[in-house]
Amino acid sequence: MKTAYLDIETKYVGKFSDQRLFRDCKNHVVTVIGVRVLDGANDAFVQLVGKDATKANLMLVLKGVERLVTYNGRSIPDEVKGYTGFDFPVIAAQLGVVLDREFPHVDLCPECWRKGLWGGQKVVEQSLGLRRKLPGKDGKWADETWKKYEATNDERHRNEVLAYNQEDVFMLRRIEEALQKR
């Protein structure tokens, strides 16, 4: 089964409100969309960065995907708490596509709740005994680091955000595998 693992990074840009999908989804501009596609023995990783993070490019990367996996990505309220997530509402607001209406979707966050695991992705990773190569970073750090990149054009900052996003995406598969063993 062709499966894609997806995570975004954003920069915070202001105050708007859209209660239909996510309370402040328009406050975030997508800076990076990371997608890992597993299809049998094929394992590909793509990052759409800055202006390349478009609907057309994203749909091309996701072409043929039979299952999409995120952590707290859903725009459709979950069945556990009735909450929406982050990634898909932001993508919907910015790119005009609601991914969990386009693809079968598994959000690992409510799957974790069903197994008694609470918290953000990094907290859940720790609870599952998963270790990161780049510890101590989070979405706020990625936002601040991207803004430093934009202010200075220092590629080091951009590359740090890309490495962080890649680790987020690859950890999704590790979380999924760990949940299957619980």
N, C-alpha and C. Protein backbone atom coordinates (compact mmCIF):
# COMPACT_ATOMS: atom_id res chain seq x y z
N MET A 1 0.85 -1.18 0.00
CA MET A 1 0.00 0.00 0.00
C MET A 1 0.89 1.24 0.00
N LYS A 2 0.64 2.13 -0.91
CA LYS A 2 1.42 3.37 -1.02
C LYS A 2 0.96 4.32 0.09
N THR A 3 1.89 4.58 1.02
CA THR A 3 1.58 5.40 2.21
C THR A 3 2.48 6.61 2.24
N ALA A 4 1.89 7.76 2.55
CA ALA A 4 2.65 9.00 2.69
C ALA A 4 2.56 9.49 4.13
N TYR A 5 3.69 9.89 4.68
CA TYR A 5 3.78 10.50 6.01
C TYR A 5 4.06 11.98 5.77
N LEU A 6 3.27 12.86 6.39
CA LEU A 6 3.34 14.28 6.08
C LEU A 6 3.40 15.12 7.34
N ASP A 7 4.24 16.15 7.29
CA ASP A 7 4.32 17.14 8.36
C ASP A 7 4.70 18.48 7.73
N ILE A 8 4.18 19.55 8.33
CA ILE A 8 4.51 20.89 7.82
C ILE A 8 5.24 21.70 8.88
N GLU A 9 5.94 22.71 8.40
CA GLU A 9 6.48 23.77 9.25
C GLU A 9 5.83 25.06 8.76
N THR A 10 5.64 25.99 9.69
CA THR A 10 4.97 27.24 9.33
C THR A 10 5.66 28.42 10.01
N LYS A 11 5.32 29.59 9.52
CA LYS A 11 5.68 30.80 10.26
C LYS A 11 4.38 31.49 10.64
N TYR A 12 4.37 32.04 11.83
CA TYR A 12 3.19 32.72 12.36
C TYR A 12 3.18 34.14 11.83
N VAL A 13 2.02 34.58 11.28
CA VAL A 13 1.99 35.87 10.59
C VAL A 13 0.95 36.87 11.07
N GLY A 14 0.05 36.51 11.96
CA GLY A 14 -0.93 37.51 12.36
C GLY A 14 -2.15 36.92 13.00
N LYS A 15 -3.20 37.71 13.09
CA LYS A 15 -4.41 37.29 13.78
C LYS A 15 -5.60 37.26 12.84
N PHE A 16 -6.09 36.07 12.59
CA PHE A 16 -7.33 35.85 11.86
C PHE A 16 -8.09 34.78 12.62
N SER A 17 -9.27 34.42 12.14
CA SER A 17 -10.02 33.35 12.79
C SER A 17 -10.85 32.62 11.75
N ASP A 18 -10.80 31.31 11.79
CA ASP A 18 -11.60 30.47 10.92
C ASP A 18 -12.02 29.26 11.73
N GLN A 19 -13.19 29.32 12.34
CA GLN A 19 -13.66 28.26 13.23
C GLN A 19 -14.00 26.97 12.50
N ARG A 20 -14.24 27.03 11.18
CA ARG A 20 -14.64 25.82 10.46
C ARG A 20 -13.55 24.76 10.46
N LEU A 21 -12.29 25.14 10.35
CA LEU A 21 -11.24 24.14 10.25
C LEU A 21 -10.29 24.17 11.45
N PHE A 22 -9.74 25.30 11.74
CA PHE A 22 -8.78 25.40 12.84
C PHE A 22 -8.78 26.85 13.29
N ARG A 23 -8.80 27.06 14.58
CA ARG A 23 -9.07 28.41 15.08
C ARG A 23 -8.15 29.50 14.58
N ASP A 24 -6.92 29.18 14.22
CA ASP A 24 -6.06 30.24 13.68
C ASP A 24 -5.27 29.76 12.46
N CYS A 25 -5.88 28.91 11.65
CA CYS A 25 -5.14 28.34 10.51
C CYS A 25 -4.64 29.41 9.55
N LYS A 26 -5.32 30.53 9.45
CA LYS A 26 -4.86 31.59 8.54
C LYS A 26 -3.72 32.41 9.14
N ASN A 27 -3.40 32.16 10.39
CA ASN A 27 -2.28 32.85 11.03
C ASN A 27 -0.93 32.24 10.67
N HIS A 28 -0.95 31.14 9.94
CA HIS A 28 0.28 30.41 9.63
C HIS A 28 0.49 30.33 8.13
N VAL A 29 1.71 30.60 7.71
CA VAL A 29 2.11 30.41 6.32
C VAL A 29 3.00 29.19 6.26
N VAL A 30 2.69 28.28 5.36
CA VAL A 30 3.49 27.07 5.21
C VAL A 30 4.88 27.45 4.70
N THR A 31 5.90 27.00 5.41
CA THR A 31 7.27 27.21 4.96
C THR A 31 7.87 25.93 4.39
N VAL A 32 7.46 24.77 4.94
CA VAL A 32 7.97 23.48 4.48
C VAL A 32 6.85 22.45 4.58
N ILE A 33 6.70 21.65 3.53
CA ILE A 33 5.87 20.46 3.59
C ILE A 33 6.80 19.29 3.35
N GLY A 34 6.94 18.44 4.36
CA GLY A 34 7.77 17.25 4.23
C GLY A 34 6.88 16.04 4.02
N VAL A 35 7.22 15.21 3.03
CA VAL A 35 6.43 14.02 2.73
C VAL A 35 7.37 12.85 2.47
N ARG A 36 7.15 11.79 3.22
CA ARG A 36 7.86 10.53 2.98
C ARG A 36 6.85 9.57 2.38
N VAL A 37 7.17 9.02 1.21
CA VAL A 37 6.27 8.08 0.54
C VAL A 37 6.92 6.70 0.53
N LEU A 38 6.22 5.75 1.15
CA LEU A 38 6.65 4.35 1.15
C LEU A 38 5.72 3.58 0.23
N ASP A 39 6.31 2.88 -0.72
CA ASP A 39 5.56 2.09 -1.68
C ASP A 39 6.34 0.80 -1.93
N GLY A 40 6.02 -0.22 -1.15
CA GLY A 40 6.80 -1.46 -1.24
C GLY A 40 8.23 -1.19 -0.83
N ALA A 41 9.17 -1.54 -1.69
CA ALA A 41 10.59 -1.33 -1.40
C ALA A 41 11.03 0.11 -1.67
N ASN A 42 10.18 0.89 -2.29
CA ASN A 42 10.53 2.28 -2.60
C ASN A 42 10.26 3.19 -1.41
N ASP A 43 11.24 4.00 -1.08
CA ASP A 43 11.15 4.93 0.05
C ASP A 43 11.68 6.28 -0.45
N ALA A 44 10.78 7.24 -0.60
CA ALA A 44 11.17 8.56 -1.13
C ALA A 44 10.80 9.65 -0.13
N PHE A 45 11.62 10.67 -0.04
CA PHE A 45 11.36 11.81 0.82
C PHE A 45 11.47 13.08 -0.01
N VAL A 46 10.44 13.93 0.10
CA VAL A 46 10.38 15.18 -0.65
C VAL A 46 10.04 16.31 0.32
N GLN A 47 10.68 17.45 0.13
CA GLN A 47 10.31 18.65 0.88
C GLN A 47 9.95 19.75 -0.11
N LEU A 48 8.76 20.29 0.05
CA LEU A 48 8.34 21.45 -0.72
C LEU A 48 8.62 22.65 0.17
N VAL A 49 9.48 23.54 -0.30
CA VAL A 49 10.01 24.61 0.54
C VAL A 49 9.61 25.97 -0.03
N GLY A 50 9.13 26.84 0.87
CA GLY A 50 8.80 28.21 0.49
C GLY A 50 7.78 28.26 -0.62
N LYS A 51 8.11 28.95 -1.70
CA LYS A 51 7.18 29.14 -2.82
C LYS A 51 6.88 27.85 -3.56
N ASP A 52 7.68 26.80 -3.35
CA ASP A 52 7.40 25.50 -3.98
C ASP A 52 6.31 24.73 -3.26
N ALA A 53 5.88 25.21 -2.10
CA ALA A 53 4.80 24.56 -1.34
C ALA A 53 3.47 25.01 -1.93
N THR A 54 3.12 24.43 -3.08
CA THR A 54 1.89 24.76 -3.78
C THR A 54 0.97 23.55 -3.82
N LYS A 55 -0.30 23.80 -4.10
CA LYS A 55 -1.26 22.70 -4.23
C LYS A 55 -0.83 21.75 -5.35
N ALA A 56 -0.45 22.29 -6.50
CA ALA A 56 -0.07 21.45 -7.64
C ALA A 56 1.12 20.56 -7.28
N ASN A 57 2.14 21.13 -6.65
CA ASN A 57 3.32 20.33 -6.27
C ASN A 57 2.97 19.28 -5.23
N LEU A 58 2.16 19.66 -4.25
CA LEU A 58 1.78 18.71 -3.20
C LEU A 58 0.97 17.55 -3.80
N MET A 59 0.01 17.86 -4.65
CA MET A 59 -0.81 16.80 -5.24
C MET A 59 0.04 15.89 -6.14
N LEU A 60 1.05 16.44 -6.78
CA LEU A 60 1.96 15.62 -7.57
C LEU A 60 2.74 14.65 -6.68
N VAL A 61 3.24 15.14 -5.55
CA VAL A 61 3.97 14.28 -4.61
C VAL A 61 3.05 13.17 -4.07
N LEU A 62 1.78 13.50 -3.85
CA LEU A 62 0.84 12.55 -3.26
C LEU A 62 0.11 11.68 -4.28
N LYS A 63 0.43 11.83 -5.54
CA LYS A 63 -0.25 11.07 -6.59
C LYS A 63 -0.15 9.56 -6.32
N GLY A 64 -1.29 8.91 -6.32
CA GLY A 64 -1.34 7.46 -6.12
C GLY A 64 -1.28 7.00 -4.68
N VAL A 65 -1.18 7.94 -3.75
CA VAL A 65 -1.12 7.58 -2.32
C VAL A 65 -2.46 6.98 -1.90
N GLU A 66 -2.38 5.86 -1.19
CA GLU A 66 -3.58 5.16 -0.72
C GLU A 66 -3.87 5.41 0.75
N ARG A 67 -2.91 5.98 1.45
CA ARG A 67 -3.07 6.26 2.88
C ARG A 67 -2.11 7.37 3.25
N LEU A 68 -2.64 8.36 3.97
CA LEU A 68 -1.86 9.52 4.40
C LEU A 68 -1.81 9.51 5.92
N VAL A 69 -0.62 9.69 6.51
CA VAL A 69 -0.43 9.61 7.95
C VAL A 69 0.15 10.92 8.46
N THR A 70 -0.43 11.44 9.55
CA THR A 70 0.05 12.66 10.21
C THR A 70 0.02 12.46 11.72
N TYR A 71 0.55 13.44 12.43
CA TYR A 71 0.33 13.54 13.88
C TYR A 71 -0.34 14.89 14.10
N ASN A 72 -1.59 14.85 14.53
CA ASN A 72 -2.40 16.05 14.75
C ASN A 72 -2.55 16.87 13.46
N GLY A 73 -2.79 16.18 12.36
CA GLY A 73 -2.92 16.85 11.09
C GLY A 73 -4.33 17.04 10.60
N ARG A 74 -5.29 16.37 11.16
CA ARG A 74 -6.64 16.27 10.61
C ARG A 74 -7.39 17.60 10.57
N SER A 75 -8.24 17.75 9.54
CA SER A 75 -9.16 18.88 9.49
C SER A 75 -10.58 18.43 9.83
N ILE A 76 -10.83 17.13 9.72
CA ILE A 76 -12.11 16.56 10.11
C ILE A 76 -11.99 16.18 11.58
N PRO A 77 -12.93 16.60 12.45
CA PRO A 77 -12.82 16.28 13.88
C PRO A 77 -12.66 14.78 14.13
N ASP A 78 -11.79 14.44 15.07
CA ASP A 78 -11.55 13.04 15.39
C ASP A 78 -12.74 12.46 16.17
N GLU A 79 -12.78 11.14 16.28
CA GLU A 79 -13.87 10.45 16.95
C GLU A 79 -13.64 10.31 18.46
N VAL A 80 -12.46 10.65 18.93
CA VAL A 80 -12.17 10.51 20.36
C VAL A 80 -12.61 11.76 21.12
N LYS A 81 -12.15 12.93 20.69
CA LYS A 81 -12.45 14.18 21.39
C LYS A 81 -13.21 15.19 20.54
N GLY A 82 -13.34 14.91 19.24
CA GLY A 82 -14.01 15.85 18.36
C GLY A 82 -13.15 17.05 17.99
N TYR A 83 -11.83 16.90 18.09
CA TYR A 83 -10.91 17.99 17.79
C TYR A 83 -10.42 17.91 16.35
N THR A 84 -10.07 19.07 15.81
CA THR A 84 -9.32 19.10 14.56
C THR A 84 -7.85 19.28 14.92
N GLY A 85 -7.00 19.10 13.93
CA GLY A 85 -5.57 19.22 14.16
C GLY A 85 -5.02 20.51 13.59
N PHE A 86 -3.81 20.44 13.04
CA PHE A 86 -3.09 21.62 12.61
C PHE A 86 -2.75 21.60 11.11
N ASP A 87 -2.04 20.57 10.68
CA ASP A 87 -1.45 20.57 9.34
C ASP A 87 -2.48 20.74 8.23
N PHE A 88 -3.51 19.91 8.21
CA PHE A 88 -4.47 19.96 7.12
C PHE A 88 -5.28 21.26 7.11
N PRO A 89 -5.73 21.77 8.28
CA PRO A 89 -6.41 23.07 8.23
C PRO A 89 -5.54 24.20 7.68
N VAL A 90 -4.27 24.20 8.03
CA VAL A 90 -3.37 25.22 7.49
C VAL A 90 -3.19 25.04 5.99
N ILE A 91 -2.99 23.81 5.56
CA ILE A 91 -2.87 23.52 4.13
C ILE A 91 -4.15 23.93 3.40
N ALA A 92 -5.31 23.61 3.99
CA ALA A 92 -6.59 23.98 3.36
C ALA A 92 -6.72 25.50 3.23
N ALA A 93 -6.35 26.22 4.28
CA ALA A 93 -6.47 27.68 4.25
C ALA A 93 -5.52 28.29 3.23
N GLN A 94 -4.32 27.74 3.12
CA GLN A 94 -3.32 28.34 2.23
C GLN A 94 -3.36 27.79 0.81
N LEU A 95 -3.55 26.47 0.66
CA LEU A 95 -3.45 25.86 -0.66
C LEU A 95 -4.80 25.50 -1.27
N GLY A 96 -5.85 25.51 -0.46
CA GLY A 96 -7.18 25.24 -0.99
C GLY A 96 -7.49 23.78 -1.24
N VAL A 97 -6.86 22.88 -0.49
CA VAL A 97 -7.16 21.46 -0.60
C VAL A 97 -7.28 20.88 0.82
N VAL A 98 -8.35 20.12 1.04
CA VAL A 98 -8.57 19.47 2.34
C VAL A 98 -8.11 18.02 2.18
N LEU A 99 -6.91 17.74 2.64
CA LEU A 99 -6.27 16.47 2.33
C LEU A 99 -7.01 15.26 2.88
N ASP A 100 -7.65 15.38 4.05
CA ASP A 100 -8.34 14.21 4.58
C ASP A 100 -9.72 14.01 3.93
N ARG A 101 -10.05 14.84 2.98
CA ARG A 101 -11.21 14.57 2.12
C ARG A 101 -10.76 14.01 0.77
N GLU A 102 -9.48 14.15 0.48
CA GLU A 102 -8.92 13.67 -0.78
C GLU A 102 -8.29 12.27 -0.66
N PHE A 103 -7.81 11.95 0.55
CA PHE A 103 -7.07 10.69 0.76
C PHE A 103 -7.55 10.01 2.03
N PRO A 104 -7.55 8.67 2.06
CA PRO A 104 -7.75 7.99 3.33
C PRO A 104 -6.65 8.45 4.29
N HIS A 105 -7.03 8.77 5.53
CA HIS A 105 -6.10 9.43 6.44
C HIS A 105 -6.09 8.74 7.80
N VAL A 106 -4.90 8.59 8.34
CA VAL A 106 -4.71 8.12 9.72
C VAL A 106 -3.99 9.22 10.46
N ASP A 107 -4.62 9.73 11.52
CA ASP A 107 -3.97 10.71 12.38
C ASP A 107 -3.51 9.97 13.63
N LEU A 108 -2.22 9.97 13.86
CA LEU A 108 -1.65 9.22 14.97
C LEU A 108 -2.01 9.81 16.33
N CYS A 109 -2.38 11.08 16.40
CA CYS A 109 -2.70 11.70 17.68
C CYS A 109 -3.88 11.00 18.36
N PRO A 110 -5.07 10.90 17.73
CA PRO A 110 -6.15 10.18 18.39
C PRO A 110 -5.86 8.68 18.57
N GLU A 111 -5.01 8.13 17.70
CA GLU A 111 -4.59 6.73 17.89
C GLU A 111 -3.80 6.60 19.19
N CYS A 112 -2.96 7.59 19.48
CA CYS A 112 -2.21 7.60 20.74
C CYS A 112 -3.16 7.74 21.92
N TRP A 113 -4.17 8.62 21.82
CA TRP A 113 -5.13 8.79 22.90
C TRP A 113 -5.81 7.47 23.23
N ARG A 114 -6.16 6.72 22.20
CA ARG A 114 -6.82 5.42 22.41
C ARG A 114 -5.93 4.46 23.21
N LYS A 115 -4.62 4.69 23.15
CA LYS A 115 -3.67 3.82 23.87
C LYS A 115 -3.16 4.47 25.14
N GLY A 116 -3.80 5.58 25.56
CA GLY A 116 -3.43 6.24 26.81
C GLY A 116 -2.20 7.12 26.73
N LEU A 117 -1.81 7.50 25.52
CA LEU A 117 -0.65 8.37 25.33
C LEU A 117 -1.14 9.78 25.01
N TRP A 118 -0.72 10.74 25.81
CA TRP A 118 -1.20 12.11 25.69
C TRP A 118 -0.05 13.06 25.43
N GLY A 119 -0.32 14.13 24.72
CA GLY A 119 0.68 15.16 24.49
C GLY A 119 1.01 15.32 23.03
N GLY A 120 1.91 16.25 22.77
CA GLY A 120 2.36 16.49 21.41
C GLY A 120 3.25 15.37 20.91
N GLN A 121 3.66 15.49 19.67
CA GLN A 121 4.43 14.41 19.04
C GLN A 121 5.70 14.08 19.81
N LYS A 122 6.44 15.09 20.25
CA LYS A 122 7.70 14.81 20.94
C LYS A 122 7.47 14.12 22.28
N VAL A 123 6.42 14.52 23.00
CA VAL A 123 6.09 13.89 24.29
C VAL A 123 5.73 12.43 24.07
N VAL A 124 4.92 12.16 23.05
CA VAL A 124 4.53 10.78 22.74
C VAL A 124 5.76 9.96 22.35
N GLU A 125 6.64 10.54 21.55
CA GLU A 125 7.87 9.83 21.18
C GLU A 125 8.64 9.40 22.43
N GLN A 126 8.78 10.31 23.38
CA GLN A 126 9.49 9.98 24.62
C GLN A 126 8.78 8.88 25.37
N SER A 127 7.45 8.95 25.45
CA SER A 127 6.67 7.92 26.14
C SER A 127 6.86 6.55 25.49
N LEU A 128 7.07 6.55 24.19
CA LEU A 128 7.27 5.29 23.47
C LEU A 128 8.73 4.85 23.46
N GLY A 129 9.62 5.64 24.07
CA GLY A 129 11.04 5.30 24.12
C GLY A 129 11.78 5.61 22.84
N LEU A 130 11.21 6.48 22.02
CA LEU A 130 11.86 6.86 20.76
C LEU A 130 12.76 8.07 21.00
N ARG A 131 13.95 8.03 20.43
CA ARG A 131 14.93 9.11 20.62
C ARG A 131 15.17 9.84 19.31
N ARG A 132 15.30 11.14 19.44
CA ARG A 132 15.57 12.00 18.28
C ARG A 132 17.06 12.28 18.15
N LYS A 133 17.47 12.53 16.91
CA LYS A 133 18.84 12.98 16.66
C LYS A 133 18.97 14.47 16.93
N LEU A 134 17.85 15.21 16.82
CA LEU A 134 17.83 16.66 17.01
C LEU A 134 16.88 17.01 18.15
N PRO A 135 17.22 16.67 19.39
CA PRO A 135 16.29 16.94 20.50
C PRO A 135 16.22 18.43 20.84
N GLY A 136 15.17 18.79 21.57
CA GLY A 136 15.05 20.15 22.09
C GLY A 136 14.50 21.17 21.10
N LYS A 137 14.02 20.71 19.97
CA LYS A 137 13.45 21.62 18.98
C LYS A 137 11.96 21.35 18.88
N ASP A 138 11.18 22.41 18.52
CA ASP A 138 9.74 22.28 18.36
C ASP A 138 9.27 23.24 17.28
N GLY A 139 7.95 23.31 17.10
CA GLY A 139 7.39 24.17 16.06
C GLY A 139 7.73 25.63 16.25
N LYS A 140 7.75 26.09 17.49
CA LYS A 140 8.10 27.49 17.75
C LYS A 140 9.55 27.75 17.33
N TRP A 141 10.43 26.82 17.65
CA TRP A 141 11.83 26.93 17.24
C TRP A 141 11.91 27.00 15.71
N ALA A 142 11.16 26.13 15.01
CA ALA A 142 11.19 26.11 13.55
C ALA A 142 10.70 27.45 12.98
N ASP A 143 9.65 28.00 13.58
CA ASP A 143 9.11 29.31 13.16
C ASP A 143 10.19 30.39 13.32
N GLU A 144 10.81 30.45 14.49
CA GLU A 144 11.83 31.47 14.76
C GLU A 144 13.05 31.30 13.85
N THR A 145 13.44 30.05 13.63
CA THR A 145 14.62 29.78 12.80
C THR A 145 14.34 30.13 11.34
N TRP A 146 13.13 29.84 10.87
CA TRP A 146 12.77 30.22 9.49
C TRP A 146 12.80 31.74 9.34
N LYS A 147 12.28 32.44 10.34
CA LYS A 147 12.30 33.91 10.28
C LYS A 147 13.73 34.44 10.27
N LYS A 148 14.63 33.79 10.99
CA LYS A 148 16.06 34.17 10.94
C LYS A 148 16.60 33.96 9.52
N TYR A 149 16.20 32.85 8.92
CA TYR A 149 16.63 32.58 7.54
C TYR A 149 16.16 33.68 6.61
N GLU A 150 14.89 34.04 6.71
CA GLU A 150 14.35 35.10 5.84
C GLU A 150 15.05 36.44 6.07
N ALA A 151 15.40 36.72 7.31
CA ALA A 151 16.03 38.00 7.64
C ALA A 151 17.49 38.07 7.18
N THR A 152 18.17 36.92 7.17
CA THR A 152 19.61 36.91 6.91
C THR A 152 20.02 36.22 5.61
N ASN A 153 19.12 35.41 5.04
CA ASN A 153 19.44 34.54 3.90
C ASN A 153 20.57 33.57 4.21
N ASP A 154 20.76 33.29 5.50
CA ASP A 154 21.78 32.34 5.93
C ASP A 154 21.21 30.92 5.74
N GLU A 155 21.76 30.20 4.78
CA GLU A 155 21.27 28.85 4.44
C GLU A 155 21.36 27.89 5.62
N ARG A 156 22.22 28.18 6.56
CA ARG A 156 22.34 27.32 7.74
C ARG A 156 20.99 27.24 8.47
N HIS A 157 20.30 28.38 8.61
CA HIS A 157 18.99 28.40 9.28
C HIS A 157 17.97 27.60 8.48
N ARG A 158 17.95 27.77 7.19
CA ARG A 158 17.03 27.02 6.33
C ARG A 158 17.29 25.53 6.46
N ASN A 159 18.54 25.14 6.41
CA ASN A 159 18.89 23.73 6.49
C ASN A 159 18.54 23.12 7.84
N GLU A 160 18.64 23.92 8.90
CA GLU A 160 18.24 23.42 10.23
C GLU A 160 16.75 23.12 10.27
N VAL A 161 15.94 24.00 9.68
CA VAL A 161 14.49 23.77 9.64
C VAL A 161 14.18 22.54 8.79
N LEU A 162 14.87 22.38 7.67
CA LEU A 162 14.64 21.22 6.81
C LEU A 162 15.02 19.93 7.53
N ALA A 163 16.11 19.93 8.26
CA ALA A 163 16.51 18.73 9.01
C ALA A 163 15.49 18.41 10.11
N TYR A 164 15.01 19.44 10.78
CA TYR A 164 13.99 19.26 11.82
C TYR A 164 12.71 18.67 11.21
N ASN A 165 12.27 19.23 10.09
CA ASN A 165 11.06 18.72 9.43
C ASN A 165 11.24 17.27 9.01
N GLN A 166 12.41 16.95 8.47
CA GLN A 166 12.65 15.57 8.04
C GLN A 166 12.55 14.62 9.23
N GLU A 167 13.12 15.02 10.35
CA GLU A 167 13.04 14.14 11.52
C GLU A 167 11.60 13.99 11.99
N ASP A 168 10.82 15.07 11.99
CA ASP A 168 9.40 14.98 12.33
C ASP A 168 8.70 13.96 11.44
N VAL A 169 8.93 14.05 10.13
CA VAL A 169 8.26 13.15 9.18
C VAL A 169 8.69 11.71 9.42
N PHE A 170 9.97 11.46 9.56
CA PHE A 170 10.45 10.09 9.73
C PHE A 170 10.00 9.49 11.07
N MET A 171 9.83 10.34 12.08
CA MET A 171 9.35 9.85 13.38
C MET A 171 7.90 9.38 13.30
N LEU A 172 7.13 9.88 12.35
CA LEU A 172 5.75 9.43 12.21
C LEU A 172 5.69 7.92 11.98
N ARG A 173 6.52 7.41 11.12
CA ARG A 173 6.57 5.96 10.86
C ARG A 173 6.99 5.20 12.11
N ARG A 174 7.95 5.74 12.84
CA ARG A 174 8.41 5.08 14.06
C ARG A 174 7.31 5.05 15.12
N ILE A 175 6.55 6.14 15.24
CA ILE A 175 5.42 6.16 16.17
C ILE A 175 4.39 5.12 15.75
N GLU A 176 4.08 5.10 14.47
CA GLU A 176 3.09 4.12 13.97
C GLU A 176 3.52 2.69 14.28
N GLU A 177 4.78 2.38 14.05
CA GLU A 177 5.29 1.04 14.33
C GLU A 177 5.24 0.73 15.83
N ALA A 178 5.60 1.70 16.67
CA ALA A 178 5.57 1.50 18.12
C ALA A 178 4.14 1.29 18.60
N LEU A 179 3.19 1.99 18.04
CA LEU A 179 1.78 1.83 18.44
C LEU A 179 1.27 0.43 18.07
N GLN A 180 1.73 -0.10 16.96
CA GLN A 180 1.31 -1.44 16.54
C GLN A 180 1.78 -2.52 17.52
N LYS A 181 2.86 -2.23 18.24
CA LYS A 181 3.41 -3.20 19.21
C LYS A 181 2.76 -3.08 20.58
N ARG A 182 1.99 -2.04 20.83
CA ARG A 182 1.37 -1.82 22.15
C ARG A 182 0.07 -2.56 22.28
